[in-house]
């Protein structure tokens, strides 16, 4: 549909609106990988933060002399350990406590 007035042309969009997809439930394996990547991302972020303050000790003497940089390194190591632990545990095995039921004697 075109509307022409005083040399101005307006037209409606011909491209149809994209169809919305339903969100699919994430599999346990996908969630596991997502959490592992998040832990690795957090570890790298803490490492970059510690490295930044170590490299710029002249500009941030109080922060670099405090326990903050050591704490950043500790958090980096813990997030890496958590990611490694989660990555090595198989996702198919589910450890669930089970009670053994005694069958009644006939």
C-alpha atoms as a PDB file:
ATOM      1  CA  UNK A   1       0.000   0.000   0.000  1.00  0.00           C
ATOM      2  CA  UNK A   2       1.512   3.294  -1.041  1.00  0.00           C
ATOM      3  CA  UNK A   3       0.501   6.751  -0.050  1.00  0.00           C
ATOM      4  CA  UNK A   4       1.862   9.617  -2.134  1.00  0.00           C
ATOM      5  CA  UNK A   5       1.521  13.166  -0.809  1.00  0.00           C
ATOM      6  CA  UNK A   6       3.691  16.104  -1.764  1.00  0.00           C
ATOM      7  CA  UNK A   7       6.513  13.936  -3.146  1.00  0.00           C
ATOM      8  CA  UNK A   8       6.718  11.696  -0.051  1.00  0.00           C
ATOM      9  CA  UNK A   9       6.229   7.959  -0.520  1.00  0.00           C
ATOM     10  CA  UNK A  10       5.301   5.726   2.407  1.00  0.00           C
ATOM     11  CA  UNK A  11       4.924   1.980   2.143  1.00  0.00           C
ATOM     12  CA  UNK A  12       4.085  -0.749   4.589  1.00  0.00           C
ATOM     13  CA  UNK A  13       6.481  -3.541   5.401  1.00  0.00           C
ATOM     14  CA  UNK A  14       6.364  -6.541   3.092  1.00  0.00           C
ATOM     15  CA  UNK A  15       8.561  -8.775   5.281  1.00  0.00           C
ATOM     16  CA  UNK A  16       6.462 -10.967   7.566  1.00  0.00           C
ATOM     17  CA  UNK A  17       7.149 -10.901  11.291  1.00  0.00           C
ATOM     18  CA  UNK A  18       9.462 -13.718  12.406  1.00  0.00           C
ATOM     19  CA  UNK A  19       7.754 -16.670  14.033  1.00  0.00           C
ATOM     20  CA  UNK A  20       8.396 -16.969  17.720  1.00  0.00           C
ATOM     21  CA  UNK A  21       9.942 -20.247  18.768  1.00  0.00           C
ATOM     22  CA  UNK A  22       8.936 -21.876  21.972  1.00  0.00           C
ATOM     23  CA  UNK A  23      11.778 -22.109  24.437  1.00  0.00           C
ATOM     24  CA  UNK A  24      12.912 -25.702  24.598  1.00  0.00           C
ATOM     25  CA  UNK A  25      13.725 -27.133  27.985  1.00  0.00           C
ATOM     26  CA  UNK A  26      17.467 -27.423  28.393  1.00  0.00           C
ATOM     27  CA  UNK A  27      18.905 -30.867  28.831  1.00  0.00           C
ATOM     28  CA  UNK A  28      20.917 -31.599  31.979  1.00  0.00           C
ATOM     29  CA  UNK A  29      24.049 -31.913  29.842  1.00  0.00           C
ATOM     30  CA  UNK A  30      23.462 -28.452  28.351  1.00  0.00           C
ATOM     31  CA  UNK A  31      22.886 -26.906  31.779  1.00  0.00           C
ATOM     32  CA  UNK A  32      26.019 -28.608  33.050  1.00  0.00           C
ATOM     33  CA  UNK A  33      28.090 -27.154  30.217  1.00  0.00           C
ATOM     34  CA  UNK A  34      26.534 -23.739  30.777  1.00  0.00           C
ATOM     35  CA  UNK A  35      27.452 -23.725  34.471  1.00  0.00           C
ATOM     36  CA  UNK A  36      30.960 -24.956  33.643  1.00  0.00           C
ATOM     37  CA  UNK A  37      31.461 -22.146  31.122  1.00  0.00           C
ATOM     38  CA  UNK A  38      30.137 -19.638  33.637  1.00  0.00           C
ATOM     39  CA  UNK A  39      32.656 -20.828  36.234  1.00  0.00           C
ATOM     40  CA  UNK A  40      35.504 -20.576  33.716  1.00  0.00           C
ATOM     41  CA  UNK A  41      34.339 -17.084  32.746  1.00  0.00           C
ATOM     42  CA  UNK A  42      34.266 -16.002  36.398  1.00  0.00           C
ATOM     43  CA  UNK A  43      37.751 -17.476  36.988  1.00  0.00           C
ATOM     44  CA  UNK A  44      39.167 -15.588  34.021  1.00  0.00           C
ATOM     45  CA  UNK A  45      37.507 -12.393  35.177  1.00  0.00           C
ATOM     46  CA  UNK A  46      39.020 -12.633  38.685  1.00  0.00           C
ATOM     47  CA  UNK A  47      42.401 -13.426  37.127  1.00  0.00           C
ATOM     48  CA  UNK A  48      42.236 -10.383  34.850  1.00  0.00           C
ATOM     49  CA  UNK A  49      41.267  -8.182  37.776  1.00  0.00           C
ATOM     50  CA  UNK A  50      44.218  -9.392  39.871  1.00  0.00           C
ATOM     51  CA  UNK A  51      46.586  -8.986  36.935  1.00  0.00           C
ATOM     52  CA  UNK A  52      45.351  -5.441  36.318  1.00  0.00           C
ATOM     53  CA  UNK A  53      46.065  -4.327  39.885  1.00  0.00           C
ATOM     54  CA  UNK A  54      49.417  -6.134  39.888  1.00  0.00           C
ATOM     55  CA  UNK A  55      50.486  -4.369  36.700  1.00  0.00           C
ATOM     56  CA  UNK A  56      49.316  -0.948  37.880  1.00  0.00           C
ATOM     57  CA  UNK A  57      50.684  -0.957  41.422  1.00  0.00           C
ATOM     58  CA  UNK A  58      51.908   2.618  40.991  1.00  0.00           C
ATOM     59  CA  UNK A  59      48.398   3.917  40.292  1.00  0.00           C
ATOM     60  CA  UNK A  60      46.586   1.818  42.926  1.00  0.00           C
ATOM     61  CA  UNK A  61      49.038   1.419  45.827  1.00  0.00           C
ATOM     62  CA  UNK A  62      46.434   0.833  48.543  1.00  0.00           C
ATOM     63  CA  UNK A  63      44.510  -1.827  46.635  1.00  0.00           C
ATOM     64  CA  UNK A  64      47.593  -3.636  45.380  1.00  0.00           C
ATOM     65  CA  UNK A  65      49.155  -3.641  48.874  1.00  0.00           C
ATOM     66  CA  UNK A  66      45.972  -4.930  50.520  1.00  0.00           C
ATOM     67  CA  UNK A  67      44.698  -8.482  50.593  1.00  0.00           C
ATOM     68  CA  UNK A  68      42.439  -7.764  47.599  1.00  0.00           C
ATOM     69  CA  UNK A  69      44.803  -9.092  44.915  1.00  0.00           C
ATOM     70  CA  UNK A  70      45.425 -12.295  46.889  1.00  0.00           C
ATOM     71  CA  UNK A  71      41.674 -12.733  47.310  1.00  0.00           C
ATOM     72  CA  UNK A  72      41.193 -12.315  43.544  1.00  0.00           C
ATOM     73  CA  UNK A  73      43.764 -15.058  42.940  1.00  0.00           C
ATOM     74  CA  UNK A  74      42.032 -17.318  45.484  1.00  0.00           C
ATOM     75  CA  UNK A  75      38.664 -16.809  43.809  1.00  0.00           C
ATOM     76  CA  UNK A  76      40.206 -17.511  40.406  1.00  0.00           C
ATOM     77  CA  UNK A  77      41.663 -20.791  41.676  1.00  0.00           C
ATOM     78  CA  UNK A  78      38.391 -21.839  43.321  1.00  0.00           C
ATOM     79  CA  UNK A  79      36.291 -21.107  40.241  1.00  0.00           C
ATOM     80  CA  UNK A  80      38.756 -23.048  38.076  1.00  0.00           C
ATOM     81  CA  UNK A  81      38.654 -25.992  40.497  1.00  0.00           C
ATOM     82  CA  UNK A  82      34.851 -25.907  40.500  1.00  0.00           C
ATOM     83  CA  UNK A  83      34.722 -25.848  36.700  1.00  0.00           C
ATOM     84  CA  UNK A  84      37.172 -28.723  36.481  1.00  0.00           C
ATOM     85  CA  UNK A  85      35.250 -30.761  39.043  1.00  0.00           C
ATOM     86  CA  UNK A  86      31.930 -30.169  37.264  1.00  0.00           C
ATOM     87  CA  UNK A  87      33.424 -30.949  33.882  1.00  0.00           C
ATOM     88  CA  UNK A  88      34.862 -34.289  35.025  1.00  0.00           C
ATOM     89  CA  UNK A  89      31.695 -35.601  36.689  1.00  0.00           C
ATOM     90  CA  UNK A  90      29.610 -37.563  34.147  1.00  0.00           C
ATOM     91  CA  UNK A  91      26.207 -36.009  33.619  1.00  0.00           C
ATOM     92  CA  UNK A  92      24.317 -39.275  33.088  1.00  0.00           C
ATOM     93  CA  UNK A  93      25.045 -40.694  36.547  1.00  0.00           C
ATOM     94  CA  UNK A  94      22.769 -39.436  39.265  1.00  0.00           C
ATOM     95  CA  UNK A  95      23.732 -40.325  42.798  1.00  0.00           C
ATOM     96  CA  UNK A  96      20.510 -40.677  44.744  1.00  0.00           C
ATOM     97  CA  UNK A  97      20.176 -42.385  48.136  1.00  0.00           C
ATOM     98  CA  UNK A  98      17.899 -45.396  47.886  1.00  0.00           C
ATOM     99  CA  UNK A  99      16.260 -47.292  50.703  1.00  0.00           C
ATOM    100  CA  UNK A 100      16.154 -51.049  50.439  1.00  0.00           C
ATOM    101  CA  UNK A 101      12.652 -52.303  51.117  1.00  0.00           C
ATOM    102  CA  UNK A 102      12.137 -55.637  52.801  1.00  0.00           C
ATOM    103  CA  UNK A 103       9.505 -57.765  51.124  1.00  0.00           C
ATOM    104  CA  UNK A 104       6.938 -59.358  53.448  1.00  0.00           C
ATOM    105  CA  UNK A 105       7.260 -63.109  53.860  1.00  0.00           C
ATOM    106  CA  UNK A 106       4.388 -65.086  52.342  1.00  0.00           C
END
